Protein backbone atom coordinates (compact mmCIF):
# COMPACT_ATOMS: atom_id res chain seq x y z
CA MET A 1 0.00 0.00 0.00
CA PRO A 2 1.53 3.35 -1.00
CA SER A 3 2.22 5.64 1.94
CA SER A 4 -0.17 8.25 0.55
CA GLN A 5 -3.05 5.75 0.87
CA ARG A 6 -2.51 5.03 4.55
CA ILE A 7 -5.39 5.58 6.97
CA PHE A 8 -3.02 7.80 8.94
CA VAL A 9 -2.73 10.15 5.95
CA ASP A 10 -6.46 10.17 5.27
CA THR A 11 -7.20 10.96 8.93
CA ILE A 12 -4.78 13.88 9.04
CA LYS A 13 -6.22 15.31 5.81
CA LYS A 14 -9.75 15.01 7.22
CA TYR A 15 -8.74 16.62 10.51
CA CYS A 16 -6.96 19.49 8.78
CA ALA A 17 -9.92 20.16 6.48
CA ALA A 18 -12.18 20.45 9.55
CA HIS A 19 -9.80 22.79 11.41
CA ASN A 20 -8.76 25.22 8.67
CA ILE A 21 -5.26 23.78 8.45
CA THR A 22 -3.45 23.48 5.14
CA VAL A 23 -1.84 20.11 4.51
CA GLU A 24 0.79 19.10 2.00
CA LEU A 25 2.06 15.57 1.33
CA ARG A 26 5.73 15.04 0.61
CA SER A 27 7.71 11.85 -0.03
CA ASP A 28 4.57 10.06 -1.24
CA GLY A 29 2.76 10.88 2.00
CA TRP A 30 5.49 9.72 4.36
CA LEU A 31 6.18 13.34 5.33
CA ILE A 32 3.11 15.49 6.03
CA VAL A 33 3.37 19.27 6.36
CA MET A 34 0.56 20.96 8.30
CA GLN A 35 0.28 24.72 8.64
CA ARG A 36 -2.20 27.12 10.26
CA GLY A 37 -1.16 30.74 10.07
CA SER A 38 2.51 30.97 11.00
CA ASN A 39 2.45 27.65 12.89
CA ARG A 40 3.91 24.75 10.94
CA HIS A 41 3.94 21.16 12.17
CA PHE A 42 5.17 17.91 10.67
CA ALA A 43 4.13 14.28 10.81
CA LEU A 44 6.62 11.63 9.73
CA GLY A 45 5.72 8.00 9.28
CA TYR A 46 3.19 7.38 12.05
CA ASP A 47 4.60 10.06 14.38
CA VAL A 48 2.54 13.25 14.79
CA GLY A 49 5.33 15.06 16.64
CA LEU A 50 4.19 14.94 20.28
CA ASN A 51 7.09 12.84 21.53
CA SER A 52 10.60 14.04 22.28
CA ALA A 53 13.46 12.70 20.19
CA ILE A 54 14.91 10.65 23.05
CA ALA A 55 11.54 9.12 24.01
CA HIS A 56 11.00 8.18 20.37
CA ARG A 57 14.45 6.57 20.10
CA ILE A 58 14.08 4.59 23.32
CA ALA A 59 10.63 3.31 22.32
CA ASN A 60 11.98 2.29 18.92
CA ASP A 61 14.72 0.23 20.58
CA LYS A 62 13.30 -2.88 22.28
CA SER A 63 16.41 -3.53 24.38
CA ALA A 64 16.68 0.10 25.52
CA THR A 65 12.98 0.12 26.40
CA ALA A 66 13.38 -2.98 28.58
CA GLU A 67 16.47 -1.53 30.27
CA VAL A 68 14.72 1.73 31.15
CA LEU A 69 11.59 -0.05 32.39
CA GLN A 70 13.63 -2.41 34.57
CA LEU A 71 15.57 0.57 35.94
CA SER A 72 12.25 2.22 36.79
CA GLY A 73 10.77 -0.86 38.44
CA VAL A 74 8.13 -1.43 35.73
CA ALA A 75 7.36 -5.11 35.02
CA CYS A 76 8.46 -5.95 31.48
CA VAL A 77 9.67 -8.71 29.19
CA PRO A 78 13.49 -8.49 29.04
CA HIS A 79 15.11 -7.98 25.64
CA THR A 80 18.85 -8.48 25.06
CA ILE A 81 20.46 -6.69 22.11
CA PHE A 82 22.99 -8.20 19.71
CA LEU A 83 24.67 -6.22 16.93
CA ASN A 84 25.01 -7.42 13.37
CA PRO A 85 28.50 -8.83 12.66
CA ARG A 86 28.86 -6.09 10.05
CA LEU A 87 29.30 -3.76 13.04
CA ASN A 88 32.23 -5.81 14.30
CA GLN A 89 34.07 -2.81 15.71
CA TYR A 90 31.32 -2.50 18.36
CA ILE A 91 31.07 -6.21 19.22
CA PRO A 92 32.99 -7.75 22.16
CA PRO A 93 36.16 -9.61 21.07
CA ASP A 94 34.64 -13.00 21.95
CA GLY A 95 31.63 -12.33 19.71
CA SER A 96 27.91 -12.83 20.37
CA TRP A 97 27.13 -16.44 19.52
CA GLU A 98 28.07 -17.90 22.89
CA ALA A 99 25.95 -15.27 24.66
CA MET A 100 23.01 -16.14 22.41
CA LEU A 101 23.41 -19.83 23.20
CA ALA A 102 23.57 -19.00 26.91
CA LEU A 103 20.20 -17.25 26.66
CA LEU A 104 18.72 -20.28 24.91
CA ASP A 105 20.09 -22.55 27.65
CA ARG A 106 18.70 -20.23 30.32
CA HIS A 107 15.19 -20.48 28.80
CA PRO A 108 14.50 -24.16 28.04
CA LYS A 109 10.98 -23.34 26.80
CA GLY A 110 12.55 -21.26 24.05
CA VAL A 111 13.30 -17.68 23.07
CA VAL A 112 11.98 -15.13 20.59
CA VAL A 113 14.35 -13.55 18.06
CA LYS A 114 13.28 -10.29 16.41
CA PRO A 115 14.72 -7.06 14.98
CA ASN A 116 15.69 -4.75 17.83
CA GLU A 117 14.10 -1.81 16.05
CA GLY A 118 10.83 -1.52 14.18
CA THR A 119 7.13 -2.16 14.79
CA SER A 120 5.96 -4.23 11.82
CA GLY A 121 5.85 -7.57 13.64
CA LYS A 122 7.75 -9.16 10.75
CA SER A 123 10.89 -11.33 11.05
CA VAL A 124 9.85 -12.49 14.53
CA PHE A 125 10.84 -16.10 15.19
CA ARG A 126 10.05 -18.57 17.94
CA VAL A 127 13.21 -20.60 18.66
CA LYS A 128 13.73 -23.76 20.72
CA THR A 129 16.88 -25.35 19.25
CA LYS A 130 20.40 -24.25 18.37
CA SER A 131 19.84 -24.82 14.66
CA ALA A 132 16.62 -22.79 14.73
CA LEU A 133 18.47 -20.04 16.62
CA GLU A 134 21.18 -19.90 13.97
CA SER A 135 18.59 -19.73 11.19
CA ALA A 136 16.57 -16.99 12.90
CA VAL A 137 19.66 -14.90 13.67
CA ASN A 138 20.86 -15.09 10.06
CA ARG A 139 17.43 -14.12 8.73
CA VAL A 140 17.11 -11.10 11.02
CA PHE A 141 20.68 -9.94 10.39
CA ALA A 142 20.06 -10.13 6.64
CA SER A 143 18.00 -6.95 6.91
CA SER A 144 18.63 -5.46 10.38
CA ALA A 145 21.58 -3.84 12.09
CA SER A 146 20.69 -5.43 15.43
CA LEU A 147 18.37 -8.01 16.95
CA ALA A 148 16.80 -8.62 20.34
CA ILE A 149 16.31 -11.93 22.10
CA SER A 150 13.60 -12.34 24.73
CA PRO A 151 12.30 -15.38 26.64
CA LEU A 152 9.44 -17.26 24.98
CA LEU A 153 6.41 -16.82 27.23
CA ASP A 154 3.13 -18.69 27.26
CA ILE A 155 1.15 -15.50 26.68
CA GLU A 156 -2.49 -15.92 27.63
CA ASP A 157 -3.61 -12.36 26.82
CA GLU A 158 -2.10 -9.46 24.92
CA VAL A 159 -3.66 -6.00 25.24
CA ARG A 160 -2.79 -2.83 23.36
CA VAL A 161 -3.21 0.49 25.12
CA VAL A 162 -2.98 3.72 23.10
CA LEU A 163 -2.13 6.57 25.46
CA ILE A 164 -2.31 10.33 24.93
CA ASP A 165 -0.83 12.17 27.93
CA ASP A 166 -1.89 9.46 30.40
CA VAL A 167 -5.38 9.14 28.90
CA ALA A 168 -6.26 5.74 27.45
CA ALA A 169 -7.75 6.52 24.04
CA VAL A 170 -7.91 2.90 22.85
CA VAL A 171 -7.73 -0.35 24.84
CA TYR A 172 -8.26 -3.67 23.10
CA ARG A 173 -7.37 -7.32 23.51
CA LYS A 174 -5.83 -9.18 20.57
CA ASP A 175 -7.78 -12.40 20.06
CA ARG A 176 -5.94 -15.00 18.00
CA PRO A 177 -7.96 -17.29 15.70
CA PHE A 178 -8.51 -20.81 17.04
CA VAL A 179 -10.29 -24.06 16.22
CA LEU A 180 -11.88 -26.80 18.32
CA GLY A 181 -10.97 -30.38 17.56
CA ASP A 182 -13.58 -32.92 16.45
CA GLY A 183 -11.43 -36.04 16.85
CA LYS A 184 -11.55 -36.64 13.09
CA GLN A 185 -9.82 -33.81 11.26
CA SER A 186 -6.22 -32.63 11.38
CA LEU A 187 -5.30 -29.17 12.55
CA PHE A 188 -4.67 -28.10 8.96
CA GLU A 189 -8.08 -29.40 7.81
CA LEU A 190 -9.82 -27.64 10.69
CA ALA A 191 -8.01 -24.39 9.84
CA LEU A 192 -9.06 -24.59 6.18
CA GLY A 193 -12.67 -25.12 7.19
CA PHE A 194 -12.62 -22.34 9.78
CA LEU A 195 -10.86 -19.59 7.86
CA HIS A 196 -12.64 -17.47 5.31
CA LEU A 197 -10.87 -17.37 1.95
CA LYS A 198 -9.63 -13.78 2.50
CA ARG A 199 -7.95 -14.70 5.80
CA ARG A 200 -6.17 -17.81 4.56
CA SER A 201 -3.38 -15.87 2.85
CA THR A 202 -2.76 -13.98 6.09
CA ILE A 203 -2.82 -16.83 8.60
CA LEU A 204 -1.82 -20.05 6.81
CA PRO A 205 1.76 -19.13 5.76
CA ALA A 206 2.80 -18.19 9.32
CA MET A 207 0.92 -21.18 10.71
CA ILE A 208 2.78 -23.59 8.42
CA GLU A 209 6.15 -22.07 9.29
CA ASP A 210 5.48 -22.00 13.04
CA LEU A 211 3.99 -25.45 13.58
CA GLY A 212 5.59 -27.82 11.10
CA LYS A 213 4.10 -30.72 9.14
CA ALA A 214 3.77 -33.22 12.00
CA GLU A 215 1.64 -30.92 14.16
CA LEU A 216 -0.43 -29.72 11.21
CA ASP A 217 -1.25 -33.29 10.13
CA ALA A 218 -2.09 -34.58 13.62
CA ILE A 219 -5.75 -35.22 14.48
CA VAL A 220 -7.00 -32.74 17.07
CA PRO A 221 -8.88 -34.47 19.93
CA ARG A 222 -12.57 -33.60 20.28
CA GLY A 223 -13.15 -30.37 22.19
CA GLU A 224 -9.47 -29.42 22.36
CA ARG A 225 -8.74 -25.75 21.62
CA ARG A 226 -5.84 -24.91 19.30
CA VAL A 227 -4.75 -21.39 18.35
CA LEU A 228 -3.71 -21.04 14.72
CA ASN A 229 -0.95 -18.48 15.22
CA TRP A 230 1.34 -17.74 18.16
CA HIS A 231 1.67 -14.14 16.95
CA HIS A 232 -0.86 -11.70 18.42
CA ASN A 233 -0.50 -9.08 15.67
CA LEU A 234 -3.67 -7.94 13.92
CA GLU A 235 -1.72 -8.17 10.66
CA SER A 236 -1.23 -11.89 11.39
CA GLY A 237 -4.93 -12.58 11.78
CA ALA A 238 -5.78 -11.59 15.37
CA THR A 239 -9.04 -9.72 16.00
CA PRO A 240 -9.27 -6.57 18.16
CA VAL A 241 -11.79 -6.79 21.01
CA LEU A 242 -12.39 -3.51 22.81
CA LEU A 243 -12.15 -3.84 26.58
CA ASP A 244 -14.76 -2.49 28.95
CA ARG A 245 -13.60 -0.93 32.19
CA GLY A 246 -12.85 -3.62 34.72
CA GLU A 247 -10.00 -5.54 36.29
CA MET A 248 -8.13 -6.33 33.06
CA TYR A 249 -8.68 -2.84 31.64
CA ASN A 250 -7.48 -1.13 34.82
CA ALA A 251 -4.42 -3.35 35.23
CA CYS A 252 -3.27 -2.80 31.66
CA VAL A 253 -3.89 0.95 31.59
CA GLN A 254 -2.15 1.49 34.92
CA LEU A 255 0.93 -0.47 33.80
CA ALA A 256 0.97 1.32 30.43
CA ILE A 257 0.92 4.72 32.16
CA GLN A 258 3.82 3.67 34.38
CA ALA A 259 5.77 2.61 31.30
CA ALA A 260 5.01 5.86 29.48
CA HIS A 261 6.22 7.87 32.47
CA ALA A 262 9.41 5.79 32.66
CA ILE A 263 10.56 6.73 29.15
CA GLY A 264 8.83 10.11 29.05
CA ILE A 265 6.56 9.42 26.10
CA ARG A 266 3.26 11.27 25.44
CA PHE A 267 1.61 9.47 22.50
CA ALA A 268 2.25 5.76 22.11
CA SER A 269 0.73 2.33 21.64
CA ILE A 270 1.86 0.02 24.42
CA ASP A 271 1.55 -3.77 24.35
CA VAL A 272 0.85 -5.42 27.71
CA VAL A 273 0.96 -9.21 28.05
CA ARG A 274 -0.15 -11.68 30.70
CA ALA A 275 1.79 -14.89 31.28
CA GLY A 276 0.38 -16.67 34.31
CA ALA A 277 -0.87 -14.18 36.87
CA ASN A 278 1.50 -11.36 35.95
CA TRP A 279 1.04 -8.49 33.51
CA LYS A 280 4.19 -7.16 31.81
CA ILE A 281 5.10 -4.59 29.19
CA LEU A 282 6.12 -6.26 25.95
CA GLU A 283 6.81 -3.25 23.72
CA ILE A 284 6.24 0.49 23.39
CA ASN A 285 5.63 1.96 19.94
CA SER A 286 6.10 5.70 19.45
CA GLY A 287 4.63 5.56 15.96
CA VAL A 288 0.95 4.81 16.55
CA MET A 289 -0.17 2.64 13.65
CA MET A 290 -3.88 1.74 13.49
CA GLU A 291 -4.39 0.57 9.92
CA SER A 292 -5.74 -2.85 10.92
CA LEU A 293 -7.84 -1.48 13.78
CA ASN A 294 -9.47 0.93 11.32
CA LYS A 295 -11.10 -2.02 9.52
CA HIS A 296 -13.11 -2.70 12.69
CA HIS A 297 -13.42 0.68 14.46
CA PRO A 298 -12.81 3.59 12.02
CA ASP A 299 -14.57 6.18 14.22
CA LEU A 300 -12.35 5.30 17.18
CA VAL A 301 -9.21 5.57 15.06
CA TYR A 302 -10.23 9.00 13.78
CA ALA A 303 -11.10 10.19 17.29
CA THR A 304 -7.72 9.02 18.61
CA TYR A 305 -5.61 10.68 15.94
CA SER A 306 -7.77 13.80 16.26
CA ALA A 307 -7.18 13.96 20.02
CA ALA A 308 -3.42 13.73 19.41
CA LEU A 309 -3.57 16.47 16.77
CA ASP A 310 -5.56 18.66 19.19
CA LYS A 311 -2.51 18.45 21.47
CA VAL A 312 -0.19 19.34 18.60
CA PHE A 313 -2.13 22.46 17.63
CA GLY A 314 -2.89 23.45 21.21
């Protein structure tokens, strides 16, 4: 999708038209110039300009985010950074491979390997063996200057909180698609029957890569629940379910606000996960991307971006 066709761009154009603000798209819509009178403001990517440069950089760095949160006493999923071998002048003389293996040994259930920077949810690999670790590391380093390794958690719930100056504008749970076994069909057959044609191209490729042939071909016992994707991203097939105020809502919003205070960020989408009884911060995104959410709740997306732009224009 060209940048100029993003929902983010359309929302800013709509907001500016309603508030007597001129808007000009540059770099195919990746840079947006907004001006009212002598006041000029910019939006770049999915950043409307509310956050400081250092808050933006910390949020964009998964390892740095975890370090700051741990320093501040905010519960989070640890992320350890490793630099691409191309940056060998910054790498310890004994290299990184042994340290990566040590992390895998420390977490027998497995680890997650992902680019240290970025918010796309792509090139994220679940790793349980040394050979899988080597493959994942090579694939991430093929396109990234650094990667982060975190422990693989049995995440029961993942909630996204979009904050604007400590106010929760959007709070939703990411529900992954699942099937129930009938004791007759394999997991792959159940998935084909469950998924609408439009969703197959989104979910099946990741499902095949994650699970492997043996698990896909195995008959699922009657009544047994199986999720089709370990990723919680909406782009990977999860469905957003807005949360009503209550215990889960309050716990996630409170933790998200603590995290935002820790890195000094004003406008962000913050992912909070529950593994067992404990809620933890998974990631903080300074570029608030809501393309997938817009398919389900366009009015909420417009209201959220509008509230952020109200802050920008005072």
